[in-house]
Amino acid sequence: MELSIDTASELASIALSREGSLVSDVAWRCERNHTVELLPRIEQLLDEAGVEKTNLSAVFVSIGPGMYTGLRVGVSVAQGLARALQIPAIGVGRLELDAYPHRDFDGPIVAVHRAGRGELASAAYQAGPWRELSSPRLSPPDDLAGAVRQGTLVVGEIDDKLSALLEGRDVIVRGPAGEGRARSLAELGFARWQAGETVEPALLRPAYLRPPAIGPQQPGN
């Protein structure tokens, strides 16, 4: 059994899977309470599935970009479990997890999330086989809209300005998946595990696109 943890945003999610196939999952609005809510939710998920921690064979975690506090908590919990249970730990990017549910789309998929300071984080992917077309980056809505090609699917946290800039173009726009990202993490994490893409738990790091701000209630991104 594998455990997937995504705490990159206020919509947190966790999942149990067997060889990448979903067994059970839960998503909830965590706001900024990841520190106090994540471990009890994991315990509840395991209890309801009748699974002991010692039955886990790997842990997958979203490494961002995203909320500083959420990512720090998620990565720390994944590291702790991997070390305590002596199991592999695999990190997968948040934007890839946003794009992956749309892998049947025949064209580029640009995943977006709001990064504060008037900027958006984005990255592009495409299936057949699944691959990254452009790595995560920060940009203002005007620059991002100018880089989006015709026939692209844009998904995720799309703000009003970007939506207006894309209006009337041959571009499909969809919001984020309501069930959270842990389902995609279970599949992608297992694929990376099978490919040997594991790291020492201590080497897992959140992927911030700008240095974390100093002080409480600050996004990382």
Protein backbone atom coordinates (compact mmCIF):
# COMPACT_ATOMS: atom_id res chain seq x y z
CA MET A 1 0.00 0.00 0.00
CA GLU A 2 1.12 3.54 -0.74
CA LEU A 3 0.17 6.80 0.96
CA SER A 4 -0.13 10.03 -1.06
CA ILE A 5 -0.07 13.46 0.60
CA ASP A 6 -0.93 16.77 -1.06
CA THR A 7 -0.92 19.91 1.06
CA ALA A 8 0.16 22.43 -1.59
CA SER A 9 -3.00 24.53 -1.24
CA GLU A 10 -6.02 25.10 0.97
CA LEU A 11 -7.64 22.07 -0.67
CA ALA A 12 -5.65 19.27 0.96
CA SER A 13 -6.00 15.62 -0.02
CA ILE A 14 -4.57 12.25 0.92
CA ALA A 15 -4.97 8.82 -0.66
CA LEU A 16 -4.23 5.15 -0.17
CA SER A 17 -3.36 3.14 -3.24
CA ARG A 18 -2.20 -0.33 -4.20
CA GLU A 19 0.39 -0.32 -7.00
CA GLY A 20 -0.86 3.11 -8.03
CA SER A 21 -4.55 2.13 -8.13
CA LEU A 22 -6.74 4.15 -5.79
CA VAL A 23 -8.10 2.34 -2.72
CA SER A 24 -9.51 5.32 -0.80
CA ASP A 25 -8.99 9.05 -0.56
CA VAL A 26 -10.27 12.20 1.10
CA ALA A 27 -10.06 15.90 0.25
CA TRP A 28 -10.96 18.76 2.55
CA ARG A 29 -10.71 22.53 2.87
CA CYS A 30 -7.78 22.90 5.21
CA GLU A 31 -7.40 26.68 5.02
CA ARG A 32 -4.03 27.10 6.79
CA ASN A 33 -4.50 24.39 9.39
CA HIS A 34 -2.29 21.71 7.81
CA THR A 35 -0.13 21.50 10.94
CA VAL A 36 -2.99 20.32 13.16
CA GLU A 37 -5.22 18.56 10.61
CA LEU A 38 -2.94 16.44 8.43
CA LEU A 39 -1.83 13.70 10.82
CA PRO A 40 -5.34 13.07 12.27
CA ARG A 41 -6.71 12.82 8.72
CA ILE A 42 -4.02 10.28 7.81
CA GLU A 43 -4.80 8.25 10.94
CA GLN A 44 -8.51 8.32 10.08
CA LEU A 45 -7.88 7.24 6.47
CA LEU A 46 -5.73 4.33 7.61
CA ASP A 47 -8.21 3.29 10.30
CA GLU A 48 -11.20 3.33 7.93
CA ALA A 49 -9.27 1.22 5.41
CA GLY A 50 -8.07 -1.19 8.09
CA VAL A 51 -4.45 -0.46 7.21
CA GLU A 52 -1.56 -0.19 9.68
CA LYS A 53 1.29 2.22 9.04
CA THR A 54 3.59 -0.79 8.87
CA ASN A 55 1.64 -1.97 5.80
CA LEU A 56 2.79 1.08 3.82
CA SER A 57 5.43 0.38 1.19
CA ALA A 58 5.98 3.94 -0.11
CA VAL A 59 4.93 7.52 0.51
CA PHE A 60 4.29 10.06 -2.25
CA VAL A 61 4.10 13.79 -1.60
CA SER A 62 3.31 16.94 -3.57
CA ILE A 63 6.39 19.19 -3.44
CA GLY A 64 4.75 22.31 -4.86
CA PRO A 65 4.94 25.08 -5.77
CA GLY A 66 2.25 26.32 -3.42
CA MET A 67 1.58 27.43 0.15
CA TYR A 68 4.70 27.60 2.28
CA THR A 69 3.16 26.20 5.46
CA GLY A 70 1.19 23.47 3.71
CA LEU A 71 4.16 22.24 1.70
CA ARG A 72 6.47 22.29 4.70
CA VAL A 73 4.01 20.21 6.74
CA GLY A 74 3.30 17.71 3.95
CA VAL A 75 6.96 17.16 3.10
CA SER A 76 7.93 16.88 6.78
CA VAL A 77 5.27 14.24 7.43
CA ALA A 78 6.33 12.28 4.33
CA GLN A 79 9.96 12.44 5.45
CA GLY A 80 9.07 11.26 8.95
CA LEU A 81 7.02 8.31 7.73
CA ALA A 82 9.64 7.26 5.19
CA ARG A 83 12.42 7.35 7.77
CA ALA A 84 10.42 5.62 10.51
CA LEU A 85 9.11 2.86 8.23
CA GLN A 86 12.25 2.66 6.06
CA ILE A 87 10.22 3.00 2.87
CA PRO A 88 10.81 5.03 -0.31
CA ALA A 89 9.69 8.66 -0.59
CA ILE A 90 8.84 10.23 -3.94
CA GLY A 91 7.99 13.88 -4.64
CA VAL A 92 5.83 15.09 -7.55
CA GLY A 93 5.16 18.70 -8.57
CA ARG A 94 1.81 20.30 -7.79
CA LEU A 95 1.27 21.73 -11.30
CA GLU A 96 1.85 18.33 -12.87
CA LEU A 97 -0.76 16.92 -10.50
CA ASP A 98 -3.22 19.62 -11.62
CA ALA A 99 -2.61 18.77 -15.28
CA TYR A 100 -2.60 14.97 -15.03
CA PRO A 101 -6.40 14.41 -14.71
CA HIS A 102 -6.71 15.93 -18.21
CA ARG A 103 -4.15 13.61 -19.84
CA ASP A 104 -6.73 12.43 -22.40
CA PHE A 105 -6.67 15.91 -23.95
CA ASP A 106 -5.09 15.89 -27.41
CA GLY A 107 -2.80 18.88 -27.09
CA PRO A 108 -0.76 20.93 -24.63
CA ILE A 109 -2.08 21.27 -21.07
CA VAL A 110 -1.06 24.36 -19.11
CA ALA A 111 -1.63 24.12 -15.36
CA VAL A 112 -1.92 27.39 -13.43
CA HIS A 113 -2.23 28.53 -9.85
CA ARG A 114 -2.34 31.95 -8.21
CA ALA A 115 1.00 32.82 -6.66
CA GLY A 116 0.28 36.24 -5.14
CA ARG A 117 1.83 39.62 -6.02
CA GLY A 118 -0.23 39.63 -9.22
CA GLU A 119 1.64 36.62 -10.60
CA LEU A 120 0.64 33.13 -11.70
CA ALA A 121 2.64 29.90 -11.48
CA SER A 122 2.38 27.73 -14.56
CA ALA A 123 3.86 24.73 -16.35
CA ALA A 124 2.93 22.84 -19.52
CA TYR A 125 2.47 19.10 -20.12
CA GLN A 126 1.29 16.74 -22.84
CA ALA A 127 0.34 13.09 -23.05
CA GLY A 128 1.44 10.44 -25.51
CA PRO A 129 3.70 9.71 -23.63
CA TRP A 130 3.12 11.97 -20.61
CA ARG A 131 5.86 14.59 -20.44
CA GLU A 132 6.70 18.09 -19.28
CA LEU A 133 6.81 20.70 -22.05
CA SER A 134 7.88 23.64 -19.88
CA SER A 135 8.99 23.71 -16.25
CA PRO A 136 7.18 25.65 -13.51
CA ARG A 137 7.66 29.42 -13.62
CA LEU A 138 6.17 32.67 -12.37
CA SER A 139 4.74 35.28 -14.72
CA PRO A 140 2.10 38.03 -14.83
CA PRO A 141 -1.18 37.12 -16.54
CA ASP A 142 -0.36 39.11 -19.69
CA ASP A 143 2.89 37.24 -20.26
CA LEU A 144 1.31 33.86 -19.58
CA ALA A 145 -1.63 34.55 -21.91
CA GLY A 146 0.78 35.59 -24.66
CA ALA A 147 2.66 32.31 -24.34
CA VAL A 148 -0.42 30.07 -24.50
CA ARG A 149 -0.72 28.52 -27.96
CA GLN A 150 -3.95 27.94 -29.83
CA GLY A 151 -5.52 24.56 -29.07
CA THR A 152 -4.25 24.51 -25.49
CA LEU A 153 -6.16 23.39 -22.41
CA VAL A 154 -5.59 25.73 -19.45
CA VAL A 155 -6.52 24.27 -16.05
CA GLY A 156 -6.33 25.23 -12.38
CA GLU A 157 -6.64 28.47 -10.43
CA ILE A 158 -7.32 30.86 -13.28
CA ASP A 159 -7.84 34.44 -12.16
CA ASP A 160 -10.25 36.89 -13.77
CA LYS A 161 -7.53 38.73 -15.68
CA LEU A 162 -6.13 35.61 -17.32
CA SER A 163 -9.63 34.40 -18.13
CA ALA A 164 -10.40 37.71 -19.86
CA LEU A 165 -7.13 37.62 -21.79
CA LEU A 166 -7.90 34.12 -23.08
CA GLU A 167 -11.52 34.87 -23.98
CA GLY A 168 -12.30 34.55 -27.69
CA ARG A 169 -9.21 32.48 -28.42
CA ASP A 170 -9.03 28.82 -29.42
CA VAL A 171 -8.22 27.84 -25.85
CA ILE A 172 -10.19 25.66 -23.42
CA VAL A 173 -10.31 26.82 -19.79
CA ARG A 174 -11.21 24.57 -16.84
CA GLY A 175 -11.04 25.00 -13.07
CA PRO A 176 -9.18 22.76 -10.62
CA ALA A 177 -10.32 19.21 -9.91
CA GLY A 178 -12.65 19.23 -6.91
CA GLU A 179 -11.46 15.86 -5.59
CA GLY A 180 -7.96 17.14 -4.87
CA ARG A 181 -4.61 16.05 -6.26
CA ALA A 182 -3.87 12.91 -4.19
CA ARG A 183 -5.51 10.64 -6.78
CA SER A 184 -3.12 11.82 -9.48
CA LEU A 185 -0.25 11.68 -7.00
CA ALA A 186 -0.95 7.99 -6.35
CA GLU A 187 -0.56 7.17 -10.06
CA LEU A 188 2.37 9.43 -10.84
CA GLY A 189 4.19 8.60 -7.61
CA PHE A 190 3.93 4.88 -8.29
CA ALA A 191 5.19 5.33 -11.86
CA ARG A 192 8.22 7.25 -10.58
CA TRP A 193 8.83 4.62 -7.91
CA GLN A 194 8.81 1.90 -10.57
CA ALA A 195 11.24 3.99 -12.62
CA GLY A 196 13.61 4.17 -9.66
CA GLU A 197 13.11 7.91 -9.04
CA THR A 198 13.38 7.78 -5.26
CA VAL A 199 15.46 9.99 -2.98
CA GLU A 200 16.66 9.86 0.59
CA PRO A 201 13.83 11.31 2.72
CA ALA A 202 16.13 14.07 4.00
CA LEU A 203 16.64 15.25 0.40
CA LEU A 204 12.94 15.87 -0.26
CA ARG A 205 12.46 19.63 -0.59
CA PRO A 206 9.42 21.84 -1.34
CA ALA A 207 9.72 23.44 -4.78
CA TYR A 208 9.23 27.17 -4.22
CA LEU A 209 9.36 29.55 -7.19
CA ARG A 210 10.33 32.43 -4.90
CA PRO A 211 11.94 32.40 -1.46
CA PRO A 212 9.39 31.87 1.33
CA ALA A 213 8.26 35.18 2.82
CA ILE A 214 9.18 35.93 6.42
CA GLY A 215 6.28 36.12 8.86
CA PRO A 216 2.96 34.34 9.40
CA GLN A 217 0.19 33.78 6.87
CA GLN A 218 2.48 34.14 3.87
CA PRO A 219 2.25 32.00 0.73
CA GLY A 220 5.44 30.42 -0.57
CA ASN A 221 4.83 29.57 -4.26
